C-alpha atoms as a PDB file:
ATOM      1  CA  MET A   1       0.000   0.000   0.000  1.00  0.00           C
ATOM      2  CA  ASN A   2       2.865   2.409   0.809  1.00  0.00           C
ATOM      3  CA  ARG A   3       4.436   1.754  -2.579  1.00  0.00           C
ATOM      4  CA  LEU A   4       1.162   2.282  -4.406  1.00  0.00           C
ATOM      5  CA  TYR A   5       0.615   5.537  -2.557  1.00  0.00           C
ATOM      6  CA  SER A   6       4.111   6.644  -3.462  1.00  0.00           C
ATOM      7  CA  ILE A   7       3.507   5.890  -7.144  1.00  0.00           C
ATOM      8  CA  ILE A   8       0.290   7.878  -7.212  1.00  0.00           C
ATOM      9  CA  LEU A   9       1.829  10.811  -5.402  1.00  0.00           C
ATOM     10  CA  CYS A  10       4.928  10.693  -7.555  1.00  0.00           C
ATOM     11  CA  ILE A  11       2.979  10.922 -10.795  1.00  0.00           C
ATOM     12  CA  ALA A  12       0.611  13.617  -9.525  1.00  0.00           C
ATOM     13  CA  VAL A  13       3.400  15.797  -8.201  1.00  0.00           C
ATOM     14  CA  ILE A  14       5.624  15.441 -11.213  1.00  0.00           C
ATOM     15  CA  ILE A  15       2.781  16.316 -13.594  1.00  0.00           C
ATOM     16  CA  THR A  16       2.155  19.463 -11.576  1.00  0.00           C
ATOM     17  CA  ALA A  17       5.826  20.329 -11.617  1.00  0.00           C
ATOM     18  CA  THR A  18       5.977  19.691 -15.345  1.00  0.00           C
ATOM     19  CA  ILE A  19       3.254  22.237 -16.009  1.00  0.00           C
ATOM     20  CA  SER A  20       5.269  24.931 -14.259  1.00  0.00           C
ATOM     21  CA  ALA A  21       8.514  24.114 -16.021  1.00  0.00           C
ATOM     22  CA  LYS A  22       9.687  25.451 -19.337  1.00  0.00           C
ATOM     23  CA  ALA A  23       9.276  23.027 -22.197  1.00  0.00           C
ATOM     24  CA  ASP A  24      12.226  20.911 -23.307  1.00  0.00           C
ATOM     25  CA  THR A  25      14.750  21.839 -20.631  1.00  0.00           C
ATOM     26  CA  PRO A  26      17.174  19.635 -18.691  1.00  0.00           C
ATOM     27  CA  TYR A  27      14.952  20.158 -15.648  1.00  0.00           C
ATOM     28  CA  LEU A  28      11.856  18.956 -17.489  1.00  0.00           C
ATOM     29  CA  ASN A  29      13.689  16.013 -19.002  1.00  0.00           C
ATOM     30  CA  LEU A  30      14.862  14.889 -15.556  1.00  0.00           C
ATOM     31  CA  VAL A  31      11.353  15.255 -14.170  1.00  0.00           C
ATOM     32  CA  ASP A  32      10.014  13.122 -17.020  1.00  0.00           C
ATOM     33  CA  GLU A  33      12.647  10.469 -16.335  1.00  0.00           C
ATOM     34  CA  ALA A  34      11.779  10.525 -12.641  1.00  0.00           C
ATOM     35  CA  ASP A  35       8.119  10.084 -13.545  1.00  0.00           C
ATOM     36  CA  LYS A  36       9.000   7.008 -15.585  1.00  0.00           C
ATOM     37  CA  ALA A  37      11.184   5.621 -12.800  1.00  0.00           C
ATOM     38  CA  CYS A  38       8.331   6.007 -10.329  1.00  0.00           C
ATOM     39  CA  SER A  39       5.843   4.280 -12.597  1.00  0.00           C
ATOM     40  CA  GLU A  40       8.282   1.357 -12.868  1.00  0.00           C
ATOM     41  CA  GLU A  41       8.988   1.360  -9.116  1.00  0.00           C
ATOM     42  CA  ARG A  42      12.662   2.099  -9.685  1.00  0.00           C
ATOM     43  CA  TRP A  43      12.864   4.091  -6.479  1.00  0.00           C
ATOM     44  CA  THR A  44      16.648   4.577  -6.349  1.00  0.00           C
ATOM     45  CA  ASP A  45      16.649   5.942  -9.895  1.00  0.00           C
ATOM     46  CA  ALA A  46      13.692   8.158  -9.056  1.00  0.00           C
ATOM     47  CA  GLU A  47      15.484   9.538  -6.002  1.00  0.00           C
ATOM     48  CA  ASN A  48      18.631  10.337  -7.984  1.00  0.00           C
ATOM     49  CA  LEU A  49      16.699  11.930 -10.854  1.00  0.00           C
ATOM     50  CA  ILE A  50      14.616  14.134  -8.561  1.00  0.00           C
ATOM     51  CA  ARG A  51      17.741  15.260  -6.714  1.00  0.00           C
ATOM     52  CA  GLU A  52      19.421  16.100 -10.019  1.00  0.00           C
ATOM     53  CA  ALA A  53      16.371  18.021 -11.237  1.00  0.00           C
ATOM     54  CA  ILE A  54      16.320  20.115  -8.065  1.00  0.00           C
ATOM     55  CA  SER A  55      20.038  20.864  -8.329  1.00  0.00           C
ATOM     56  CA  THR A  56      19.630  21.810 -12.000  1.00  0.00           C
ATOM     57  CA  GLU A  57      17.151  24.589 -11.168  1.00  0.00           C
ATOM     58  CA  PRO A  58      17.396  25.198  -7.416  1.00  0.00           C
ATOM     59  CA  GLU A  59      15.071  28.223  -7.555  1.00  0.00           C
ATOM     60  CA  ASN A  60      12.312  26.550  -9.566  1.00  0.00           C
ATOM     61  CA  PRO A  61       8.982  26.850  -7.667  1.00  0.00           C
ATOM     62  CA  GLY A  62       8.194  23.276  -8.658  1.00  0.00           C
ATOM     63  CA  ASN A  63      10.924  22.104  -6.293  1.00  0.00           C
ATOM     64  CA  ILE A  64       8.496  22.379  -3.384  1.00  0.00           C
ATOM     65  CA  LEU A  65       6.494  19.580  -4.921  1.00  0.00           C
ATOM     66  CA  LEU A  66       9.559  17.650  -6.007  1.00  0.00           C
ATOM     67  CA  LEU A  67      10.978  17.776  -2.472  1.00  0.00           C
ATOM     68  CA  SER A  68       7.726  16.433  -1.099  1.00  0.00           C
ATOM     69  CA  ASN A  69       7.784  13.701  -3.692  1.00  0.00           C
ATOM     70  CA  LEU A  70      11.438  12.993  -2.946  1.00  0.00           C
ATOM     71  CA  GLY A  71      10.467  12.408   0.661  1.00  0.00           C
ATOM     72  CA  MET A  72       7.855   9.827  -0.333  1.00  0.00           C
ATOM     73  CA  VAL A  73      10.315   8.052  -2.626  1.00  0.00           C
ATOM     74  CA  GLN A  74      12.891   7.947   0.163  1.00  0.00           C
ATOM     75  CA  TYR A  75      10.256   6.619   2.553  1.00  0.00           C
ATOM     76  CA  SER A  76       9.546   3.798   0.079  1.00  0.00           C
ATOM     77  CA  LEU A  77      13.277   3.061   0.067  1.00  0.00           C
ATOM     78  CA  GLY A  78      13.347   2.876   3.867  1.00  0.00           C
ATOM     79  CA  LYS A  79      15.410   6.073   4.106  1.00  0.00           C
ATOM     80  CA  ASP A  80      13.250   7.602   6.807  1.00  0.00           C
ATOM     81  CA  SER A  81      15.744  10.199   8.055  1.00  0.00           C
ATOM     82  CA  ALA A  82      16.411  11.405   4.515  1.00  0.00           C
ATOM     83  CA  ALA A  83      12.650  11.593   3.917  1.00  0.00           C
ATOM     84  CA  ILE A  84      12.240  13.791   7.001  1.00  0.00           C
ATOM     85  CA  GLU A  85      14.992  16.071   5.727  1.00  0.00           C
ATOM     86  CA  SER A  86      13.291  16.393   2.332  1.00  0.00           C
ATOM     87  CA  PHE A  87       9.893  17.182   3.855  1.00  0.00           C
ATOM     88  CA  THR A  88      11.485  19.735   6.175  1.00  0.00           C
ATOM     89  CA  ARG A  89      13.228  21.436   3.252  1.00  0.00           C
ATOM     90  CA  ALA A  90       9.896  21.619   1.440  1.00  0.00           C
ATOM     91  CA  LEU A  91       8.229  23.085   4.524  1.00  0.00           C
ATOM     92  CA  ASP A  92      10.933  25.723   4.828  1.00  0.00           C
ATOM     93  CA  ILE A  93       9.630  26.978   1.486  1.00  0.00           C
ATOM     94  CA  ALA A  94       5.922  26.230   1.985  1.00  0.00           C
ATOM     95  CA  PRO A  95       5.290  26.085   5.755  1.00  0.00           C
ATOM     96  CA  SER A  96       1.501  25.915   5.407  1.00  0.00           C
ATOM     97  CA  SER A  97       1.308  22.842   3.184  1.00  0.00           C
ATOM     98  CA  VAL A  98      -0.824  20.413   5.189  1.00  0.00           C
ATOM     99  CA  THR A  99      -0.070  17.583   2.753  1.00  0.00           C
ATOM    100  CA  ILE A 100       3.665  17.857   3.308  1.00  0.00           C
ATOM    101  CA  ILE A 101       3.241  18.158   7.085  1.00  0.00           C
ATOM    102  CA  ALA A 102       1.000  15.085   7.055  1.00  0.00           C
ATOM    103  CA  ASN A 103       3.563  13.109   5.067  1.00  0.00           C
ATOM    104  CA  ARG A 104       6.298  14.087   7.514  1.00  0.00           C
ATOM    105  CA  ALA A 105       4.089  13.129  10.468  1.00  0.00           C
ATOM    106  CA  LYS A 106       3.498   9.722   8.889  1.00  0.00           C
ATOM    107  CA  VAL A 107       7.228   9.109   8.602  1.00  0.00           C
ATOM    108  CA  TYR A 108       7.877  10.397  12.129  1.00  0.00           C
ATOM    109  CA  THR A 109       5.330   7.882  13.395  1.00  0.00           C
ATOM    110  CA  SER A 110       6.959   5.020  11.501  1.00  0.00           C
ATOM    111  CA  MET A 111      10.288   5.998  13.091  1.00  0.00           C
ATOM    112  CA  GLY A 112       8.798   5.999  16.587  1.00  0.00           C
ATOM    113  CA  TYR A 113       9.116   9.783  16.940  1.00  0.00           C
ATOM    114  CA  GLU A 114       5.608  10.122  18.253  1.00  0.00           C
ATOM    115  CA  GLN A 115       6.001  13.525  19.902  1.00  0.00           C
ATOM    116  CA  GLU A 116       7.208  15.021  16.622  1.00  0.00           C
ATOM    117  CA  ALA A 117       4.318  13.388  14.772  1.00  0.00           C
ATOM    118  CA  PHE A 118       1.873  14.621  17.410  1.00  0.00           C
ATOM    119  CA  ASN A 119       3.214  18.162  16.982  1.00  0.00           C
ATOM    120  CA  ASP A 120       2.869  17.967  13.202  1.00  0.00           C
ATOM    121  CA  TYR A 121      -0.731  16.790  13.435  1.00  0.00           C
ATOM    122  CA  ALA A 122      -1.479  19.605  15.870  1.00  0.00           C
ATOM    123  CA  ARG A 123       0.063  22.047  13.390  1.00  0.00           C
ATOM    124  CA  ILE A 124      -2.201  20.737  10.634  1.00  0.00           C
ATOM    125  CA  MET A 125      -5.252  21.136  12.855  1.00  0.00           C
ATOM    126  CA  GLN A 126      -4.339  24.783  13.389  1.00  0.00           C
ATOM    127  CA  LEU A 127      -4.076  25.283   9.646  1.00  0.00           C
ATOM    128  CA  ASP A 128      -7.168  23.260   8.735  1.00  0.00           C
ATOM    129  CA  SER A 129      -9.470  22.168  11.550  1.00  0.00           C
ATOM    130  CA  THR A 130     -11.474  19.942   9.167  1.00  0.00           C
ATOM    131  CA  TYR A 131      -8.508  17.787   8.107  1.00  0.00           C
ATOM    132  CA  ILE A 132      -9.944  14.519   9.399  1.00  0.00           C
ATOM    133  CA  THR A 133      -6.833  12.359   9.044  1.00  0.00           C
ATOM    134  CA  ALA A 134      -4.712  14.720  11.129  1.00  0.00           C
ATOM    135  CA  ARG A 135      -7.256  14.948  13.934  1.00  0.00           C
ATOM    136  CA  TYR A 136      -7.724  11.179  13.879  1.00  0.00           C
ATOM    137  CA  HIS A 137      -4.007  10.441  14.234  1.00  0.00           C
ATOM    138  CA  HIS A 138      -3.571  13.239  16.768  1.00  0.00           C
ATOM    139  CA  GLY A 139      -6.263  11.619  18.884  1.00  0.00           C
ATOM    140  CA  LEU A 140      -4.826   8.111  18.538  1.00  0.00           C
ATOM    141  CA  LEU A 141      -1.379   9.310  19.615  1.00  0.00           C
ATOM    142  CA  ALA A 142      -2.943  11.103  22.571  1.00  0.00           C
ATOM    143  CA  LEU A 143      -4.788   7.919  23.493  1.00  0.00           C
ATOM    144  CA  ARG A 144      -1.625   5.857  23.180  1.00  0.00           C
ATOM    145  CA  HIS A 145       0.043   8.123  25.738  1.00  0.00           C
ATOM    146  CA  ARG A 146      -2.982   8.148  28.063  1.00  0.00           C
ATOM    147  CA  MET A 147      -3.851  11.761  27.296  1.00  0.00           C
ATOM    148  CA  TYR A 148      -7.514  10.852  27.508  1.00  0.00           C
ATOM    149  CA  ASP A 149      -8.884  14.397  27.638  1.00  0.00           C
ATOM    150  CA  VAL A 150      -7.041  15.321  24.442  1.00  0.00           C
ATOM    151  CA  ALA A 151      -8.124  12.126  22.694  1.00  0.00           C
ATOM    152  CA  LYS A 152     -11.732  12.626  23.768  1.00  0.00           C
ATOM    153  CA  GLU A 153     -11.741  16.176  22.427  1.00  0.00           C
ATOM    154  CA  ASP A 154     -10.409  14.988  19.065  1.00  0.00           C
ATOM    155  CA  PHE A 155     -12.798  12.061  18.838  1.00  0.00           C
ATOM    156  CA  ASP A 156     -15.809  14.112  19.923  1.00  0.00           C
ATOM    157  CA  TYR A 157     -15.018  16.471  17.057  1.00  0.00           C
ATOM    158  CA  LEU A 158     -14.992  13.519  14.655  1.00  0.00           C
ATOM    159  CA  VAL A 159     -18.305  12.252  16.003  1.00  0.00           C
ATOM    160  CA  LYS A 160     -19.876  15.678  15.589  1.00  0.00           C
ATOM    161  CA  HIS A 161     -18.536  16.539  12.153  1.00  0.00           C
ATOM    162  CA  PHE A 162     -17.800  13.153  10.519  1.00  0.00           C
ATOM    163  CA  PRO A 163     -20.108  10.676  12.272  1.00  0.00           C
ATOM    164  CA  SER A 164     -20.109   8.048   9.497  1.00  0.00           C
ATOM    165  CA  ALA A 165     -16.400   8.189   8.634  1.00  0.00           C
ATOM    166  CA  ASN A 166     -14.323   5.048   9.148  1.00  0.00           C
ATOM    167  CA  GLU A 167     -11.834   7.116  11.136  1.00  0.00           C
ATOM    168  CA  THR A 168     -14.584   8.050  13.567  1.00  0.00           C
ATOM    169  CA  GLN A 169     -15.656   4.435  14.084  1.00  0.00           C
ATOM    170  CA  ILE A 170     -12.047   3.319  14.598  1.00  0.00           C
ATOM    171  CA  ALA A 171     -11.405   6.177  17.026  1.00  0.00           C
ATOM    172  CA  GLN A 172     -14.452   5.269  19.102  1.00  0.00           C
ATOM    173  CA  ALA A 173     -13.521   1.592  19.132  1.00  0.00           C
ATOM    174  CA  ALA A 174      -9.971   2.416  20.189  1.00  0.00           C
ATOM    175  CA  MET A 175     -11.151   4.735  22.961  1.00  0.00           C
ATOM    176  CA  HIS A 176     -13.522   2.169  24.458  1.00  0.00           C
ATOM    177  CA  THR A 177     -10.923  -0.604  24.199  1.00  0.00           C
ATOM    178  CA  SER A 178      -8.266   1.545  25.836  1.00  0.00           C
ATOM    179  CA  LEU A 179     -10.623   2.325  28.718  1.00  0.00           C
ATOM    180  CA  GLY A 180     -11.453  -1.347  29.194  1.00  0.00           C
ATOM    181  CA  GLU A 181     -14.992  -0.872  27.875  1.00  0.00           C
ATOM    182  CA  TYR A 182     -14.830  -3.941  25.687  1.00  0.00           C
ATOM    183  CA  GLN A 183     -18.546  -4.562  25.297  1.00  0.00           C
ATOM    184  CA  GLU A 184     -19.055  -0.966  24.188  1.00  0.00           C
ATOM    185  CA  ALA A 185     -16.215  -1.266  21.664  1.00  0.00           C
ATOM    186  CA  ILE A 186     -17.655  -4.288  19.861  1.00  0.00           C
ATOM    187  CA  PRO A 187     -20.460  -2.470  17.950  1.00  0.00           C
ATOM    188  CA  PHE A 188     -17.892  -0.049  16.535  1.00  0.00           C
ATOM    189  CA  TYR A 189     -15.697  -2.917  15.331  1.00  0.00           C
ATOM    190  CA  ASN A 190     -18.812  -4.470  13.794  1.00  0.00           C
ATOM    191  CA  GLU A 191     -19.367  -1.272  11.842  1.00  0.00           C
ATOM    192  CA  ILE A 192     -15.722  -1.000  10.803  1.00  0.00           C
ATOM    193  CA  LEU A 193     -15.618  -4.577   9.526  1.00  0.00           C
ATOM    194  CA  ARG A 194     -18.612  -3.977   7.275  1.00  0.00           C
ATOM    195  CA  SER A 195     -16.387  -1.854   5.055  1.00  0.00           C
ATOM    196  CA  ILE A 196     -12.800  -2.670   6.090  1.00  0.00           C
ATOM    197  CA  GLU A 197     -12.138  -6.393   6.383  1.00  0.00           C
ATOM    198  CA  GLU A 198      -8.603  -6.101   7.695  1.00  0.00           C
ATOM    199  CA  PRO A 199      -6.925  -8.561  10.095  1.00  0.00           C
ATOM    200  CA  GLU A 200      -6.148  -5.880  12.673  1.00  0.00           C
ATOM    201  CA  TYR A 201      -9.849  -5.151  13.163  1.00  0.00           C
ATOM    202  CA  TYR A 202     -10.804  -8.811  13.354  1.00  0.00           C
ATOM    203  CA  GLY A 203      -8.009  -9.196  15.889  1.00  0.00           C
ATOM    204  CA  ALA A 204      -9.146  -6.179  17.873  1.00  0.00           C
ATOM    205  CA  ARG A 205     -12.717  -7.439  18.009  1.00  0.00           C
ATOM    206  CA  ALA A 206     -11.462 -10.905  18.965  1.00  0.00           C
ATOM    207  CA  TYR A 207      -9.599  -9.327  21.875  1.00  0.00           C
ATOM    208  CA  CYS A 208     -12.801  -7.639  23.026  1.00  0.00           C
ATOM    209  CA  TYR A 209     -14.675 -10.935  22.729  1.00  0.00           C
ATOM    210  CA  LEU A 210     -11.978 -12.653  24.804  1.00  0.00           C
ATOM    211  CA  MET A 211     -12.238 -10.001  27.473  1.00  0.00           C
ATOM    212  CA  THR A 212     -16.020 -10.350  27.615  1.00  0.00           C
ATOM    213  CA  GLY A 213     -16.026 -14.154  27.630  1.00  0.00           C
ATOM    214  CA  ASN A 214     -17.500 -14.592  24.145  1.00  0.00           C
ATOM    215  CA  LEU A 215     -15.130 -17.400  23.245  1.00  0.00           C
ATOM    216  CA  GLN A 216     -16.798 -18.750  20.104  1.00  0.00           C
ATOM    217  CA  GLU A 217     -16.977 -15.260  18.582  1.00  0.00           C
ATOM    218  CA  ALA A 218     -13.331 -14.722  19.542  1.00  0.00           C
ATOM    219  CA  ALA A 219     -12.339 -18.014  17.906  1.00  0.00           C
ATOM    220  CA  ASP A 220     -14.148 -17.103  14.700  1.00  0.00           C
ATOM    221  CA  ASP A 221     -12.483 -13.695  14.508  1.00  0.00           C
ATOM    222  CA  ILE A 222      -9.025 -15.076  15.267  1.00  0.00           C
ATOM    223  CA  ALA A 223      -9.432 -17.713  12.547  1.00  0.00           C
ATOM    224  CA  LYS A 224     -10.545 -15.098  10.020  1.00  0.00           C
ATOM    225  CA  ALA A 225      -7.687 -12.771  10.939  1.00  0.00           C
ATOM    226  CA  MET A 226      -5.156 -15.592  10.621  1.00  0.00           C
ATOM    227  CA  GLU A 227      -6.416 -16.354   7.131  1.00  0.00           C
ATOM    228  CA  LEU A 228      -5.630 -12.767   6.198  1.00  0.00           C
ATOM    229  CA  ALA A 229      -2.394 -12.403   8.183  1.00  0.00           C
ATOM    230  CA  PRO A 230      -0.898 -15.834   8.985  1.00  0.00           C
ATOM    231  CA  GLU A 231       2.378 -14.330  10.209  1.00  0.00           C
ATOM    232  CA  ASP A 232       0.886 -11.899  12.735  1.00  0.00           C
ATOM    233  CA  GLY A 233       2.305 -12.800  16.140  1.00  0.00           C
ATOM    234  CA  GLU A 234      -0.368 -10.882  18.012  1.00  0.00           C
ATOM    235  CA  LEU A 235      -3.010 -13.251  16.665  1.00  0.00           C
ATOM    236  CA  TYR A 236      -1.115 -16.273  17.968  1.00  0.00           C
ATOM    237  CA  LEU A 237      -1.005 -14.626  21.372  1.00  0.00           C
ATOM    238  CA  TYR A 238      -4.776 -14.157  21.268  1.00  0.00           C
ATOM    239  CA  ARG A 239      -5.210 -17.785  20.287  1.00  0.00           C
ATOM    240  CA  ALA A 240      -2.933 -18.810  23.146  1.00  0.00           C
ATOM    241  CA  ALA A 241      -5.245 -16.931  25.512  1.00  0.00           C
ATOM    242  CA  LEU A 242      -8.250 -18.621  23.911  1.00  0.00           C
ATOM    243  CA  ASN A 243      -6.679 -22.061  24.297  1.00  0.00           C
ATOM    244  CA  LYS A 244      -5.887 -21.352  27.929  1.00  0.00           C
ATOM    245  CA  MET A 245      -9.519 -20.407  28.529  1.00  0.00           C
ATOM    246  CA  HIS A 246     -10.505 -23.729  26.933  1.00  0.00           C
ATOM    247  CA  TYR A 247      -8.101 -25.560  29.297  1.00  0.00           C
ATOM    248  CA  ARG A 248      -5.713 -26.573  26.523  1.00  0.00           C
ATOM    249  CA  PRO A 249      -2.355 -25.573  28.068  1.00  0.00           C
ATOM    250  CA  GLU A 250      -0.187 -27.398  25.512  1.00  0.00           C
ATOM    251  CA  ASP A 251      -1.912 -25.688  22.595  1.00  0.00           C
ATOM    252  CA  ALA A 252      -1.613 -22.378  24.423  1.00  0.00           C
ATOM    253  CA  ARG A 253       2.113 -22.945  24.929  1.00  0.00           C
ATOM    254  CA  LYS A 254       2.696 -23.718  21.249  1.00  0.00           C
ATOM    255  CA  ASP A 255       0.800 -20.628  20.136  1.00  0.00           C
ATOM    256  CA  ALA A 256       2.652 -18.427  22.610  1.00  0.00           C
ATOM    257  CA  GLU A 257       6.013 -19.736  21.441  1.00  0.00           C
ATOM    258  CA  ARG A 258       5.002 -19.052  17.841  1.00  0.00           C
ATOM    259  CA  ALA A 259       3.930 -15.545  18.833  1.00  0.00           C
ATOM    260  CA  VAL A 260       7.390 -14.892  20.265  1.00  0.00           C
ATOM    261  CA  GLU A 261       9.021 -16.256  17.109  1.00  0.00           C
ATOM    262  CA  LEU A 262       6.973 -13.703  15.148  1.00  0.00           C
ATOM    263  CA  GLY A 263       8.143 -10.788  17.273  1.00  0.00           C
ATOM    264  CA  VAL A 264       5.809 -10.581  20.269  1.00  0.00           C
ATOM    265  CA  ASP A 265       7.523  -9.485  23.488  1.00  0.00           C
ATOM    266  CA  PRO A 266       8.363 -12.684  25.429  1.00  0.00           C
ATOM    267  CA  ALA A 267       7.193 -11.039  28.649  1.00  0.00           C
ATOM    268  CA  ARG A 268       3.656 -10.892  27.238  1.00  0.00           C
ATOM    269  CA  ALA A 269       3.716 -14.564  26.304  1.00  0.00           C
ATOM    270  CA  LYS A 270       5.325 -15.777  29.531  1.00  0.00           C
ATOM    271  CA  GLU A 271       2.122 -16.773  31.302  1.00  0.00           C
ATOM    272  CA  PHE A 272       1.231 -19.188  28.488  1.00  0.00           C
ATOM    273  CA  ILE A 273       4.657 -20.827  28.236  1.00  0.00           C
ATOM    274  CA  ARG A 274       5.543 -21.653  31.826  1.00  0.00           C
END
């Protein structure tokens, strides 16, 4: 999905930059080559070509867009720090671009720099209070760090202004789950799964079912999630808990060990292994 997003953004940005450039110039030729590299997922070539285009005409207004695009290409290459630098350079020129700020926040989050991401989302909300994605992520980060009042304010805004949006349903489900209100969270996961059949939401609903003692529903959701994401360690941990509740300690142990193999913190799996 990240690669697809990068391709779409790359083409859209480069077309825009092309319009502003003079016809048949080295700058335009490099932009065209970068466009082709993006469409073919040749990310290293795309990065080099965009850099060369920018250096060819460092004062070209289209460089704002190319820098933003460069950041997305670098993110696809796993060069997160370089991507942050590119987005920051673009924002030095266009500090009010919510799209560029949002892209930087996304990369900050992937790097674990959650305070920086939180600050970027707050900045977007000041620039555009209706930017739903920024408010949604701002609220989720607040919730993650137990800033419940901040999260509630963000999520209440979503409920009021975007009541049917998927982001709103996910935010409400996350809030209830975080507060231990598992029964209240389930209807929101039901709504989410009507339109987004992703393993993380089946897993989240399974967790709520486990916590409320609905073991058959939990088993069904875990099985469905594992079909979609067979290498998700979290799901094996949930199944270990389910097996323990069914008094199958050996099955629970095997699932817990598999969860650890797939990256789950051993401390979380300890109770099922001993």
